[in-house]
């Protein structure tokens, strides 16, 4: 059952495909802010998926994140999320990212519960 306090976690290694240089968001080979945000979203999404109905998932609608520190290639980034609020189909999370030196990012993320078939049928053809 979905309820505030639900926690999630995820871990990844910084590979060349996850660097600022690769993403085009910077010119150096350190962990990219867009990659960190994707990890934050994945952590939140995965933490609630098993509590949703058949044919349902969540889509991200808001990310407020601070990227506080660089992580080099080969580093490990760990994410932790906590569901802080449920407002109908809207889910709000607090999320943070750390590496072996400490916190590298923190923020808030919102997701909406959707019916996949209905959602996809509304997209332009």
PDB file of N, CA and C in Angstrom:
ATOM      1  N   UNK A   1       0.834  -1.188   0.000  1.00  0.00           N
ATOM      2  CA  UNK A   1       0.000   0.000   0.000  1.00  0.00           C
ATOM      3  C   UNK A   1       0.877   1.250   0.000  1.00  0.00           C
ATOM      4  N   UNK A   2       0.525   2.195  -0.848  1.00  0.00           N
ATOM      5  CA  UNK A   2       1.262   3.450  -0.899  1.00  0.00           C
ATOM      6  C   UNK A   2       0.951   4.288   0.330  1.00  0.00           C
ATOM      7  N   UNK A   3       2.005   4.735   1.009  1.00  0.00           N
ATOM      8  CA  UNK A   3       1.810   5.628   2.144  1.00  0.00           C
ATOM      9  C   UNK A   3       3.087   6.427   2.373  1.00  0.00           C
ATOM     10  N   UNK A   4       2.952   7.649   2.877  1.00  0.00           N
ATOM     11  CA  UNK A   4       4.142   8.441   3.167  1.00  0.00           C
ATOM     12  C   UNK A   4       5.103   7.668   4.072  1.00  0.00           C
ATOM     13  N   UNK A   5       6.374   7.872   3.821  1.00  0.00           N
ATOM     14  CA  UNK A   5       7.410   7.167   4.569  1.00  0.00           C
ATOM     15  C   UNK A   5       8.017   6.020   3.786  1.00  0.00           C
ATOM     16  N   UNK A   6       7.371   5.616   2.684  1.00  0.00           N
ATOM     17  CA  UNK A   6       7.899   4.538   1.839  1.00  0.00           C
ATOM     18  C   UNK A   6       9.260   4.961   1.304  1.00  0.00           C
ATOM     19  N   UNK A   7      10.245   4.088   1.426  1.00  0.00           N
ATOM     20  CA  UNK A   7      11.613   4.423   1.032  1.00  0.00           C
ATOM     21  C   UNK A   7      12.063   3.603  -0.174  1.00  0.00           C
ATOM     22  N   UNK A   8      12.994   4.156  -0.929  1.00  0.00           N
ATOM     23  CA  UNK A   8      13.580   3.464  -2.062  1.00  0.00           C
ATOM     24  C   UNK A   8      15.071   3.711  -2.111  1.00  0.00           C
ATOM     25  N   UNK A   9      15.779   2.848  -2.837  1.00  0.00           N
ATOM     26  CA  UNK A   9      17.218   3.038  -3.007  1.00  0.00           C
ATOM     27  C   UNK A   9      17.654   2.463  -4.347  1.00  0.00           C
ATOM     28  N   UNK A  10      18.774   2.951  -4.828  1.00  0.00           N
ATOM     29  CA  UNK A  10      19.325   2.542  -6.117  1.00  0.00           C
ATOM     30  C   UNK A  10      20.796   2.922  -6.105  1.00  0.00           C
ATOM     31  N   UNK A  11      21.607   2.169  -6.823  1.00  0.00           N
ATOM     32  CA  UNK A  11      23.041   2.436  -6.871  1.00  0.00           C
ATOM     33  C   UNK A  11      23.528   2.241  -8.302  1.00  0.00           C
ATOM     34  N   UNK A  12      24.462   3.079  -8.733  1.00  0.00           N
ATOM     35  CA  UNK A  12      25.041   2.953 -10.071  1.00  0.00           C
ATOM     36  C   UNK A  12      26.496   3.396 -10.064  1.00  0.00           C
ATOM     37  N   UNK A  13      27.218   2.938 -11.085  1.00  0.00           N
ATOM     38  CA  UNK A  13      28.619   3.299 -11.265  1.00  0.00           C
ATOM     39  C   UNK A  13      28.711   4.381 -12.334  1.00  0.00           C
ATOM     40  N   UNK A  14      29.596   5.347 -12.139  1.00  0.00           N
ATOM     41  CA  UNK A  14      29.800   6.400 -13.128  1.00  0.00           C
ATOM     42  C   UNK A  14      30.619   5.836 -14.283  1.00  0.00           C
ATOM     43  N   UNK A  15      29.966   5.683 -15.415  1.00  0.00           N
ATOM     44  CA  UNK A  15      30.601   5.200 -16.642  1.00  0.00           C
ATOM     45  C   UNK A  15      30.746   6.372 -17.614  1.00  0.00           C
ATOM     46  N   UNK A  16      31.527   6.210 -18.692  1.00  0.00           N
ATOM     47  CA  UNK A  16      31.679   7.310 -19.657  1.00  0.00           C
ATOM     48  C   UNK A  16      30.341   7.832 -20.207  1.00  0.00           C
ATOM     49  N   UNK A  17      29.336   6.962 -20.321  1.00  0.00           N
ATOM     50  CA  UNK A  17      28.029   7.370 -20.851  1.00  0.00           C
ATOM     51  C   UNK A  17      27.238   8.232 -19.869  1.00  0.00           C
ATOM     52  N   UNK A  18      27.697   8.307 -18.632  1.00  0.00           N
ATOM     53  CA  UNK A  18      26.984   9.074 -17.608  1.00  0.00           C
ATOM     54  C   UNK A  18      27.724  10.352 -17.227  1.00  0.00           C
ATOM     55  N   UNK A  19      28.674  10.769 -18.081  1.00  0.00           N
ATOM     56  CA  UNK A  19      29.456  11.968 -17.768  1.00  0.00           C
ATOM     57  C   UNK A  19      28.851  13.215 -18.425  1.00  0.00           C
ATOM     58  N   UNK A  20      29.225  14.352 -17.873  1.00  0.00           N
ATOM     59  CA  UNK A  20      28.771  15.634 -18.423  1.00  0.00           C
ATOM     60  C   UNK A  20      29.229  15.790 -19.869  1.00  0.00           C
ATOM     61  N   UNK A  21      30.440  15.332 -20.160  1.00  0.00           N
ATOM     62  CA  UNK A  21      30.957  15.436 -21.532  1.00  0.00           C
ATOM     63  C   UNK A  21      30.087  14.636 -22.491  1.00  0.00           C
ATOM     64  N   UNK A  22      29.696  13.430 -22.107  1.00  0.00           N
ATOM     65  CA  UNK A  22      28.856  12.589 -22.963  1.00  0.00           C
ATOM     66  C   UNK A  22      27.460  13.198 -23.149  1.00  0.00           C
ATOM     67  N   UNK A  23      26.860  13.664 -22.068  1.00  0.00           N
ATOM     68  CA  UNK A  23      25.520  14.247 -22.139  1.00  0.00           C
ATOM     69  C   UNK A  23      25.504  15.570 -22.896  1.00  0.00           C
ATOM     70  N   UNK A  24      26.644  16.248 -22.947  1.00  0.00           N
ATOM     71  CA  UNK A  24      26.691  17.574 -23.551  1.00  0.00           C
ATOM     72  C   UNK A  24      26.273  18.654 -22.569  1.00  0.00           C
ATOM     73  N   UNK A  25      26.196  18.294 -21.294  1.00  0.00           N
ATOM     74  CA  UNK A  25      25.813  19.270 -20.276  1.00  0.00           C
ATOM     75  C   UNK A  25      27.033  19.933 -19.642  1.00  0.00           C
ATOM     76  N   UNK A  26      28.199  19.540 -20.088  1.00  0.00           N
ATOM     77  CA  UNK A  26      29.470  20.080 -19.597  1.00  0.00           C
ATOM     78  C   UNK A  26      30.581  19.538 -20.472  1.00  0.00           C
ATOM     79  N   UNK A  27      31.806  19.909 -20.153  1.00  0.00           N
ATOM     80  CA  UNK A  27      32.917  19.493 -21.019  1.00  0.00           C
ATOM     81  C   UNK A  27      33.930  18.598 -20.312  1.00  0.00           C
ATOM     82  N   UNK A  28      33.599  18.143 -19.104  1.00  0.00           N
ATOM     83  CA  UNK A  28      34.525  17.287 -18.370  1.00  0.00           C
ATOM     84  C   UNK A  28      33.899  15.918 -18.099  1.00  0.00           C
ATOM     85  N   UNK A  29      34.774  14.950 -17.863  1.00  0.00           N
ATOM     86  CA  UNK A  29      34.309  13.584 -17.637  1.00  0.00           C
ATOM     87  C   UNK A  29      34.106  13.311 -16.150  1.00  0.00           C
ATOM     88  N   UNK A  30      33.053  13.940 -15.616  1.00  0.00           N
ATOM     89  CA  UNK A  30      32.579  13.678 -14.258  1.00  0.00           C
ATOM     90  C   UNK A  30      31.090  13.379 -14.364  1.00  0.00           C
ATOM     91  N   UNK A  31      30.527  12.838 -13.308  1.00  0.00           N
ATOM     92  CA  UNK A  31      29.108  12.472 -13.289  1.00  0.00           C
ATOM     93  C   UNK A  31      28.246  13.674 -13.665  1.00  0.00           C
ATOM     94  N   UNK A  32      27.376  13.478 -14.644  1.00  0.00           N
ATOM     95  CA  UNK A  32      26.537  14.548 -15.178  1.00  0.00           C
ATOM     96  C   UNK A  32      25.312  14.814 -14.310  1.00  0.00           C
ATOM     97  N   UNK A  33      24.943  16.068 -14.232  1.00  0.00           N
ATOM     98  CA  UNK A  33      23.713  16.428 -13.518  1.00  0.00           C
ATOM     99  C   UNK A  33      22.492  15.724 -14.123  1.00  0.00           C
ATOM    100  N   UNK A  34      22.338  15.665 -15.461  1.00  0.00           N
ATOM    101  CA  UNK A  34      21.186  14.941 -15.999  1.00  0.00           C
ATOM    102  C   UNK A  34      21.176  13.456 -15.604  1.00  0.00           C
ATOM    103  N   UNK A  35      22.352  12.856 -15.486  1.00  0.00           N
ATOM    104  CA  UNK A  35      22.423  11.455 -15.062  1.00  0.00           C
ATOM    105  C   UNK A  35      22.002  11.316 -13.601  1.00  0.00           C
ATOM    106  N   UNK A  36      22.401  12.274 -12.775  1.00  0.00           N
ATOM    107  CA  UNK A  36      22.001  12.243 -11.372  1.00  0.00           C
ATOM    108  C   UNK A  36      20.483  12.376 -11.257  1.00  0.00           C
ATOM    109  N   UNK A  37      19.917  13.286 -12.016  1.00  0.00           N
ATOM    110  CA  UNK A  37      18.463  13.474 -11.974  1.00  0.00           C
ATOM    111  C   UNK A  37      17.749  12.211 -12.440  1.00  0.00           C
ATOM    112  N   UNK A  38      18.258  11.567 -13.489  1.00  0.00           N
ATOM    113  CA  UNK A  38      17.653  10.310 -13.950  1.00  0.00           C
ATOM    114  C   UNK A  38      17.715   9.250 -12.853  1.00  0.00           C
ATOM    115  N   UNK A  39      18.817   9.177 -12.137  1.00  0.00           N
ATOM    116  CA  UNK A  39      18.929   8.230 -11.028  1.00  0.00           C
ATOM    117  C   UNK A  39      17.952   8.536  -9.914  1.00  0.00           C
ATOM    118  N   UNK A  40      17.769   9.818  -9.631  1.00  0.00           N
ATOM    119  CA  UNK A  40      16.795  10.220  -8.616  1.00  0.00           C
ATOM    120  C   UNK A  40      15.386   9.797  -9.026  1.00  0.00           C
ATOM    121  N   UNK A  41      15.036  10.057 -10.288  1.00  0.00           N
ATOM    122  CA  UNK A  41      13.708   9.680 -10.777  1.00  0.00           C
ATOM    123  C   UNK A  41      13.517   8.163 -10.740  1.00  0.00           C
ATOM    124  N   UNK A  42      14.527   7.421 -11.175  1.00  0.00           N
ATOM    125  CA  UNK A  42      14.434   5.959 -11.171  1.00  0.00           C
ATOM    126  C   UNK A  42      14.204   5.425  -9.760  1.00  0.00           C
ATOM    127  N   UNK A  43      14.916   5.982  -8.808  1.00  0.00           N
ATOM    128  CA  UNK A  43      14.769   5.536  -7.420  1.00  0.00           C
ATOM    129  C   UNK A  43      13.332   5.722  -6.940  1.00  0.00           C
ATOM    130  N   UNK A  44      12.780   6.884  -7.219  1.00  0.00           N
ATOM    131  CA  UNK A  44      11.398   7.169  -6.810  1.00  0.00           C
ATOM    132  C   UNK A  44      10.416   6.258  -7.548  1.00  0.00           C
ATOM    133  N   UNK A  45      10.573   6.143  -8.870  1.00  0.00           N
ATOM    134  CA  UNK A  45       9.682   5.312  -9.677  1.00  0.00           C
ATOM    135  C   UNK A  45       9.692   3.862  -9.194  1.00  0.00           C
ATOM    136  N   UNK A  46      10.884   3.313  -9.034  1.00  0.00           N
ATOM    137  CA  UNK A  46      10.997   1.915  -8.616  1.00  0.00           C
ATOM    138  C   UNK A  46      10.412   1.674  -7.225  1.00  0.00           C
ATOM    139  N   UNK A  47      10.495   2.671  -6.348  1.00  0.00           N
ATOM    140  CA  UNK A  47      10.045   2.475  -4.969  1.00  0.00           C
ATOM    141  C   UNK A  47       8.539   2.288  -4.858  1.00  0.00           C
ATOM    142  N   UNK A  48       7.784   2.785  -5.828  1.00  0.00           N
ATOM    143  CA  UNK A  48       6.319   2.693  -5.739  1.00  0.00           C
ATOM    144  C   UNK A  48       5.693   1.722  -6.733  1.00  0.00           C
ATOM    145  N   UNK A  49       6.444   1.293  -7.746  1.00  0.00           N
ATOM    146  CA  UNK A  49       5.859   0.513  -8.840  1.00  0.00           C
ATOM    147  C   UNK A  49       5.107  -0.722  -8.355  1.00  0.00           C
ATOM    148  N   UNK A  50       5.646  -1.452  -7.389  1.00  0.00           N
ATOM    149  CA  UNK A  50       5.002  -2.697  -6.958  1.00  0.00           C
ATOM    150  C   UNK A  50       3.682  -2.451  -6.221  1.00  0.00           C
ATOM    151  N   UNK A  51       3.398  -1.216  -5.850  1.00  0.00           N
ATOM    152  CA  UNK A  51       2.157  -0.892  -5.145  1.00  0.00           C
ATOM    153  C   UNK A  51       1.056  -0.402  -6.089  1.00  0.00           C
ATOM    154  N   UNK A  52       1.369  -0.286  -7.370  1.00  0.00           N
ATOM    155  CA  UNK A  52       0.402   0.215  -8.346  1.00  0.00           C
ATOM    156  C   UNK A  52      -0.416  -0.923  -8.937  1.00  0.00           C
ATOM    157  N   UNK A  53      -1.548  -0.575  -9.517  1.00  0.00           N
ATOM    158  CA  UNK A  53      -2.407  -1.562 -10.145  1.00  0.00           C
ATOM    159  C   UNK A  53      -1.859  -2.027 -11.480  1.00  0.00           C
ATOM    160  N   UNK A  54      -2.450  -3.087 -11.996  1.00  0.00           N
ATOM    161  CA  UNK A  54      -2.051  -3.615 -13.297  1.00  0.00           C
ATOM    162  C   UNK A  54      -2.285  -2.547 -14.362  1.00  0.00           C
ATOM    163  N   UNK A  55      -1.301  -2.358 -15.226  1.00  0.00           N
ATOM    164  CA  UNK A  55      -1.410  -1.368 -16.291  1.00  0.00           C
ATOM    165  C   UNK A  55      -1.105   0.050 -15.848  1.00  0.00           C
ATOM    166  N   UNK A  56      -0.638   0.213 -14.614  1.00  0.00           N
ATOM    167  CA  UNK A  56      -0.309   1.548 -14.114  1.00  0.00           C
ATOM    168  C   UNK A  56       1.202   1.705 -13.955  1.00  0.00           C
ATOM    169  N   UNK A  57       1.632   2.941 -14.054  1.00  0.00           N
ATOM    170  CA  UNK A  57       3.007   3.319 -13.760  1.00  0.00           C
ATOM    171  C   UNK A  57       2.980   4.765 -13.293  1.00  0.00           C
ATOM    172  N   UNK A  58       4.144   5.364 -13.134  1.00  0.00           N
ATOM    173  CA  UNK A  58       4.204   6.779 -12.787  1.00  0.00           C
ATOM    174  C   UNK A  58       5.048   7.511 -13.812  1.00  0.00           C
ATOM    175  N   UNK A  59       4.754   8.783 -13.982  1.00  0.00           N
ATOM    176  CA  UNK A  59       5.552   9.649 -14.851  1.00  0.00           C
ATOM    177  C   UNK A  59       6.032  10.832 -14.021  1.00  0.00           C
ATOM    178  N   UNK A  60       7.254  11.245 -14.270  1.00  0.00           N
ATOM    179  CA  UNK A  60       7.814  12.382 -13.562  1.00  0.00           C
ATOM    180  C   UNK A  60       7.236  13.684 -14.077  1.00  0.00           C
ATOM    181  N   UNK A  61       6.969  14.605 -13.162  1.00  0.00           N
ATOM    182  CA  UNK A  61       6.389  15.896 -13.546  1.00  0.00           C
ATOM    183  C   UNK A  61       7.170  17.091 -13.020  1.00  0.00           C
ATOM    184  N   UNK A  62       7.989  16.882 -11.990  1.00  0.00           N
ATOM    185  CA  UNK A  62       8.746  17.992 -11.421  1.00  0.00           C
ATOM    186  C   UNK A  62      10.010  17.453 -10.771  1.00  0.00           C
ATOM    187  N   UNK A  63      11.113  18.128 -11.031  1.00  0.00           N
ATOM    188  CA  UNK A  63      12.369  17.807 -10.358  1.00  0.00           C
ATOM    189  C   UNK A  63      12.984  19.119  -9.886  1.00  0.00           C
ATOM    190  N   UNK A  64      13.288  19.166  -8.621  1.00  0.00           N
ATOM    191  CA  UNK A  64      14.050  20.284  -8.053  1.00  0.00           C
ATOM    192  C   UNK A  64      15.269  19.641  -7.411  1.00  0.00           C
ATOM    193  N   UNK A  65      16.422  19.853  -8.029  1.00  0.00           N
ATOM    194  CA  UNK A  65      17.615  19.166  -7.549  1.00  0.00           C
ATOM    195  C   UNK A  65      18.810  20.110  -7.503  1.00  0.00           C
ATOM    196  N   UNK A  66      19.654  19.871  -6.526  1.00  0.00           N
ATOM    197  CA  UNK A  66      20.937  20.554  -6.421  1.00  0.00           C
ATOM    198  C   UNK A  66      22.031  19.511  -6.603  1.00  0.00           C
ATOM    199  N   UNK A  67      22.959  19.789  -7.520  1.00  0.00           N
ATOM    200  CA  UNK A  67      24.121  18.918  -7.708  1.00  0.00           C
ATOM    201  C   UNK A  67      25.275  19.602  -6.992  1.00  0.00           C
ATOM    202  N   UNK A  68      25.691  19.038  -5.872  1.00  0.00           N
ATOM    203  CA  UNK A  68      26.586  19.710  -4.941  1.00  0.00           C
ATOM    204  C   UNK A  68      28.066  19.419  -5.124  1.00  0.00           C
ATOM    205  N   UNK A  69      28.380  18.286  -5.760  1.00  0.00           N
ATOM    206  CA  UNK A  69      29.775  17.857  -5.800  1.00  0.00           C
ATOM    207  C   UNK A  69      30.000  16.912  -6.970  1.00  0.00           C
ATOM    208  N   UNK A  70      31.179  16.977  -7.572  1.00  0.00           N
ATOM    209  CA  UNK A  70      31.519  16.104  -8.695  1.00  0.00           C
ATOM    210  C   UNK A  70      31.898  14.704  -8.213  1.00  0.00           C
ATOM    211  N   UNK A  71      31.552  13.712  -9.037  1.00  0.00           N
ATOM    212  CA  UNK A  71      31.949  12.324  -8.796  1.00  0.00           C
ATOM    213  C   UNK A  71      32.712  11.849 -10.036  1.00  0.00           C
ATOM    214  N   UNK A  72      33.919  11.276  -9.863  1.00  0.00           N
ATOM    215  CA  UNK A  72      34.736  10.882 -11.012  1.00  0.00           C
ATOM    216  C   UNK A  72      34.262   9.581 -11.659  1.00  0.00           C
ATOM    217  N   UNK A  73      34.792   9.328 -12.849  1.00  0.00           N
ATOM    218  CA  UNK A  73      34.570   8.044 -13.525  1.00  0.00           C
ATOM    219  C   UNK A  73      34.919   6.903 -12.583  1.00  0.00           C
ATOM    220  N   UNK A  74      34.110   5.870 -12.600  1.00  0.00           N
ATOM    221  CA  UNK A  74      34.353   4.709 -11.757  1.00  0.00           C
ATOM    222  C   UNK A  74      33.761   4.824 -10.364  1.00  0.00           C
ATOM    223  N   UNK A  75      33.340   6.025  -9.994  1.00  0.00           N
ATOM    224  CA  UNK A  75      32.735   6.224  -8.688  1.00  0.00           C
ATOM    225  C   UNK A  75      31.364   5.567  -8.599  1.00  0.00           C
ATOM    226  N   UNK A  76      30.924   5.319  -7.386  1.00  0.00           N
ATOM    227  CA  UNK A  76      29.605   4.739  -7.148  1.00  0.00           C
ATOM    228  C   UNK A  76      28.690   5.805  -6.574  1.00  0.00           C
ATOM    229  N   UNK A  77      27.507   5.940  -7.172  1.00  0.00           N
ATOM    230  CA  UNK A  77      26.506   6.883  -6.694  1.00  0.00           C
ATOM    231  C   UNK A  77      25.346   6.082  -6.121  1.00  0.00           C
ATOM    232  N   UNK A  78      24.965   6.403  -4.893  1.00  0.00           N
ATOM    233  CA  UNK A  78      23.850   5.744  -4.214  1.00  0.00           C
ATOM    234  C   UNK A  78      22.735   6.757  -4.008  1.00  0.00           C
ATOM    235  N   UNK A  79      21.503   6.320  -4.254  1.00  0.00           N
ATOM    236  CA  UNK A  79      20.337   7.187  -4.124  1.00  0.00           C
ATOM    237  C   UNK A  79      19.434   6.650  -3.026  1.00  0.00           C
ATOM    238  N   UNK A  80      18.776   7.575  -2.337  1.00  0.00           N
ATOM    239  CA  UNK A  80      17.748   7.218  -1.366  1.00  0.00           C
ATOM    240  C   UNK A  80      16.570   8.160  -1.584  1.00  0.00           C
ATOM    241  N   UNK A  81      15.377   7.586  -1.588  1.00  0.00           N
ATOM    242  CA  UNK A  81      14.177   8.397  -1.732  1.00  0.00           C
ATOM    243  C   UNK A  81      13.206   8.074  -0.610  1.00  0.00           C
ATOM    244  N   UNK A  82      12.345   9.046  -0.332  1.00  0.00           N
ATOM    245  CA  UNK A  82      11.267   8.834   0.632  1.00  0.00           C
ATOM    246  C   UNK A  82      10.009   9.499   0.096  1.00  0.00           C
ATOM    247  N   UNK A  83       8.936   8.739   0.031  1.00  0.00           N
ATOM    248  CA  UNK A  83       7.639   9.278  -0.357  1.00  0.00           C
ATOM    249  C   UNK A  83       7.157  10.158   0.793  1.00  0.00           C
ATOM    250  N   UNK A  84       6.974  11.441   0.521  1.00  0.00           N
ATOM    251  CA  UNK A  84       6.630  12.377   1.592  1.00  0.00           C
ATOM    252  C   UNK A  84       5.170  12.796   1.590  1.00  0.00           C
ATOM    253  N   UNK A  85       4.512  12.685   0.424  1.00  0.00           N
ATOM    254  CA  UNK A  85       3.137  13.161   0.340  1.00  0.00           C
ATOM    255  C   UNK A  85       2.401  12.465  -0.794  1.00  0.00           C
ATOM    256  N   UNK A  86       1.130  12.176  -0.568  1.00  0.00           N
ATOM    257  CA  UNK A  86       0.259  11.629  -1.601  1.00  0.00           C
ATOM    258  C   UNK A  86      -0.949  12.545  -1.699  1.00  0.00           C
ATOM    259  N   UNK A  87      -1.187  13.067  -2.891  1.00  0.00           N
ATOM    260  CA  UNK A  87      -2.321  13.952  -3.131  1.00  0.00           C
ATOM    261  C   UNK A  87      -3.072  13.413  -4.344  1.00  0.00           C
ATOM    262  N   UNK A  88      -4.014  12.512  -4.107  1.00  0.00           N
ATOM    263  CA  UNK A  88      -4.699  11.850  -5.216  1.00  0.00           C
ATOM    264  C   UNK A  88      -3.709  10.988  -5.976  1.00  0.00           C
ATOM    265  N   UNK A  89      -3.523  11.290  -7.252  1.00  0.00           N
ATOM    266  CA  UNK A  89      -2.571  10.538  -8.079  1.00  0.00           C
ATOM    267  C   UNK A  89      -1.166  11.128  -8.047  1.00  0.00           C
ATOM    268  N   UNK A  90      -0.992  12.274  -7.396  1.00  0.00           N
ATOM    269  CA  UNK A  90       0.327  12.903  -7.319  1.00  0.00           C
ATOM    270  C   UNK A  90       1.105  12.368  -6.124  1.00  0.00           C
ATOM    271  N   UNK A  91       2.352  12.007  -6.379  1.00  0.00           N
ATOM    272  CA  UNK A  91       3.252  11.498  -5.350  1.00  0.00           C
ATOM    273  C   UNK A  91       4.434  12.447  -5.250  1.00  0.00           C
ATOM    274  N   UNK A  92       4.793  12.838  -4.021  1.00  0.00           N
ATOM    275  CA  UNK A  92       5.934  13.730  -3.822  1.00  0.00           C
ATOM    276  C   UNK A  92       6.999  13.013  -3.002  1.00  0.00           C
ATOM    277  N   UNK A  93       8.247  13.227  -3.401  1.00  0.00           N
ATOM    278  CA  UNK A  93       9.384  12.536  -2.802  1.00  0.00           C
ATOM    279  C   UNK A  93      10.476  13.515  -2.394  1.00  0.00           C
ATOM    280  N   UNK A  94      11.210  13.152  -1.350  1.00  0.00           N
ATOM    281  CA  UNK A  94      12.503  13.757  -1.034  1.00  0.00           C
ATOM    282  C   UNK A  94      13.532  12.745  -1.507  1.00  0.00           C
ATOM    283  N   UNK A  95      14.617  13.223  -2.126  1.00  0.00           N
ATOM    284  CA  UNK A  95      15.617  12.303  -2.664  1.00  0.00           C
ATOM    285  C   UNK A  95      17.010  12.885  -2.475  1.00  0.00           C
ATOM    286  N   UNK A  96      17.975  11.976  -2.274  1.00  0.00           N
ATOM    287  CA  UNK A  96      19.362  12.421  -2.159  1.00  0.00           C
ATOM    288  C   UNK A  96      20.273  11.416  -2.838  1.00  0.00           C
ATOM    289  N   UNK A  97      21.436  11.930  -3.255  1.00  0.00           N
ATOM    290  CA  UNK A  97      22.456  11.109  -3.892  1.00  0.00           C
ATOM    291  C   UNK A  97      23.763  11.287  -3.136  1.00  0.00           C
ATOM    292  N   UNK A  98      24.478  10.184  -2.936  1.00  0.00           N
ATOM    293  CA  UNK A  98      25.770  10.224  -2.259  1.00  0.00           C
ATOM    294  C   UNK A  98      26.789   9.411  -3.045  1.00  0.00           C
ATOM    295  N   UNK A  99      28.058   9.714  -2.825  1.00  0.00           N
ATOM    296  CA  UNK A  99      29.125   8.846  -3.305  1.00  0.00           C
ATOM    297  C   UNK A  99      29.969   8.472  -2.091  1.00  0.00           C
ATOM    298  N   UNK A 100      31.137   7.885  -2.306  1.00  0.00           N
ATOM    299  CA  UNK A 100      31.924   7.431  -1.153  1.00  0.00           C
ATOM    300  C   UNK A 100      32.501   8.576  -0.332  1.00  0.00           C
ATOM    301  N   UNK A 101      32.360   9.809  -0.796  1.00  0.00           N
ATOM    302  CA  UNK A 101      32.848  10.979  -0.057  1.00  0.00           C
ATOM    303  C   UNK A 101      31.726  11.719   0.675  1.00  0.00           C
ATOM    304  N   UNK A 102      30.462  11.335   0.420  1.00  0.00           N
ATOM    305  CA  UNK A 102      29.347  12.016   1.068  1.00  0.00           C
ATOM    306  C   UNK A 102      28.278  12.451   0.077  1.00  0.00           C
ATOM    307  N   UNK A 103      27.445  13.392   0.510  1.00  0.00           N
ATOM    308  CA  UNK A 103      26.321  13.838  -0.315  1.00  0.00           C
ATOM    309  C   UNK A 103      26.806  14.586  -1.556  1.00  0.00           C
ATOM    310  N   UNK A 104      26.242  14.213  -2.712  1.00  0.00           N
ATOM    311  CA  UNK A 104      26.560  14.917  -3.955  1.00  0.00           C
ATOM    312  C   UNK A 104      25.341  15.637  -4.522  1.00  0.00           C
ATOM    313  N   UNK A 105      24.139  15.264  -4.066  1.00  0.00           N
ATOM    314  CA  UNK A 105      22.941  15.907  -4.587  1.00  0.00           C
ATOM    315  C   UNK A 105      21.749  15.668  -3.689  1.00  0.00           C
ATOM    316  N   UNK A 106      20.792  16.577  -3.778  1.00  0.00           N
ATOM    317  CA  UNK A 106      19.566  16.436  -3.005  1.00  0.00           C
ATOM    318  C   UNK A 106      18.458  17.189  -3.719  1.00  0.00           C
ATOM    319  N   UNK A 107      17.217  16.817  -3.389  1.00  0.00           N
ATOM    320  CA  UNK A 107      16.121  17.530  -4.010  1.00  0.00           C
ATOM    321  C   UNK A 107      14.773  16.919  -3.715  1.00  0.00           C
ATOM    322  N   UNK A 108      13.795  17.374  -4.506  1.00  0.00           N
ATOM    323  CA  UNK A 108      12.419  16.911  -4.411  1.00  0.00           C
ATOM    324  C   UNK A 108      11.948  16.530  -5.799  1.00  0.00           C
ATOM    325  N   UNK A 109      11.070  15.551  -5.844  1.00  0.00           N
ATOM    326  CA  UNK A 109      10.581  15.034  -7.122  1.00  0.00           C
ATOM    327  C   UNK A 109       9.099  14.715  -7.003  1.00  0.00           C
ATOM    328  N   UNK A 110       8.347  15.030  -8.041  1.00  0.00           N
ATOM    329  CA  UNK A 110       6.918  14.696  -8.090  1.00  0.00           C
ATOM    330  C   UNK A 110       6.649  13.767  -9.265  1.00  0.00           C
ATOM    331  N   UNK A 111       5.766  12.806  -9.034  1.00  0.00           N
ATOM    332  CA  UNK A 111       5.360  11.863 -10.067  1.00  0.00           C
ATOM    333  C   UNK A 111       3.841  11.732 -10.018  1.00  0.00           C
ATOM    334  N   UNK A 112       3.232  11.396 -11.154  1.00  0.00           N
ATOM    335  CA  UNK A 112       1.801  11.138 -11.216  1.00  0.00           C
ATOM    336  C   UNK A 112       1.560   9.693 -11.604  1.00  0.00           C
ATOM    337  N   UNK A 113       0.596   9.080 -10.975  1.00  0.00           N
ATOM    338  CA  UNK A 113       0.177   7.722 -11.327  1.00  0.00           C
ATOM    339  C   UNK A 113      -0.688   7.815 -12.577  1.00  0.00           C
ATOM    340  N   UNK A 114      -0.354   6.995 -13.573  1.00  0.00           N
ATOM    341  CA  UNK A 114      -1.122   6.985 -14.821  1.00  0.00           C
ATOM    342  C   UNK A 114      -1.500   5.558 -15.204  1.00  0.00           C
ATOM    343  N   UNK A 115      -2.532   5.454 -16.011  1.00  0.00           N
ATOM    344  CA  UNK A 115      -2.861   4.214 -16.700  1.00  0.00           C
ATOM    345  C   UNK A 115      -2.108   4.282 -18.023  1.00  0.00           C
ATOM    346  N   UNK A 116      -1.223   3.330 -18.272  1.00  0.00           N
ATOM    347  CA  UNK A 116      -0.332   3.386 -19.438  1.00  0.00           C
ATOM    348  C   UNK A 116      -1.118   3.439 -20.743  1.00  0.00           C
ATOM    349  N   UNK A 117      -2.105   2.568 -20.915  1.00  0.00           N
ATOM    350  CA  UNK A 117      -2.872   2.510 -22.165  1.00  0.00           C
ATOM    351  C   UNK A 117      -3.598   3.834 -22.428  1.00  0.00           C
ATOM    352  N   UNK A 118      -4.235   4.357 -21.425  1.00  0.00           N
ATOM    353  CA  UNK A 118      -4.962   5.622 -21.552  1.00  0.00           C
ATOM    354  C   UNK A 118      -3.994   6.765 -21.864  1.00  0.00           C
ATOM    355  N   UNK A 119      -2.878   6.805 -21.172  1.00  0.00           N
ATOM    356  CA  UNK A 119      -1.863   7.832 -21.374  1.00  0.00           C
ATOM    357  C   UNK A 119      -1.341   7.799 -22.811  1.00  0.00           C
ATOM    358  N   UNK A 120      -0.979   6.618 -23.278  1.00  0.00           N
ATOM    359  CA  UNK A 120      -0.423   6.481 -24.627  1.00  0.00           C
ATOM    360  C   UNK A 120      -1.449   6.803 -25.715  1.00  0.00           C
ATOM    361  N   UNK A 121      -2.723   6.517 -25.449  1.00  0.00           N
ATOM    362  CA  UNK A 121      -3.762   6.769 -26.453  1.00  0.00           C
ATOM    363  C   UNK A 121      -3.998   8.265 -26.650  1.00  0.00           C
ATOM    364  N   UNK A 122      -3.569   9.078 -25.705  1.00  0.00           N
ATOM    365  CA  UNK A 122      -3.772  10.532 -25.804  1.00  0.00           C
ATOM    366  C   UNK A 122      -2.628  11.242 -26.535  1.00  0.00           C
ATOM    367  N   UNK A 123      -1.569  10.533 -26.838  1.00  0.00           N
ATOM    368  CA  UNK A 123      -0.441  11.148 -27.532  1.00  0.00           C
ATOM    369  C   UNK A 123      -0.788  11.385 -28.999  1.00  0.00           C
ATOM    370  N   UNK A 124      -0.259  12.438 -29.585  1.00  0.00           N
ATOM    371  CA  UNK A 124      -0.501  12.677 -31.011  1.00  0.00           C
ATOM    372  C   UNK A 124       0.041  11.522 -31.852  1.00  0.00           C
ATOM    373  N   UNK A 125      -0.655  11.194 -32.885  1.00  0.00           N
ATOM    374  CA  UNK A 125      -0.248  10.104 -33.787  1.00  0.00           C
ATOM    375  C   UNK A 125       0.714  10.607 -34.834  1.00  0.00           C
TER     376      UNK A 125
END
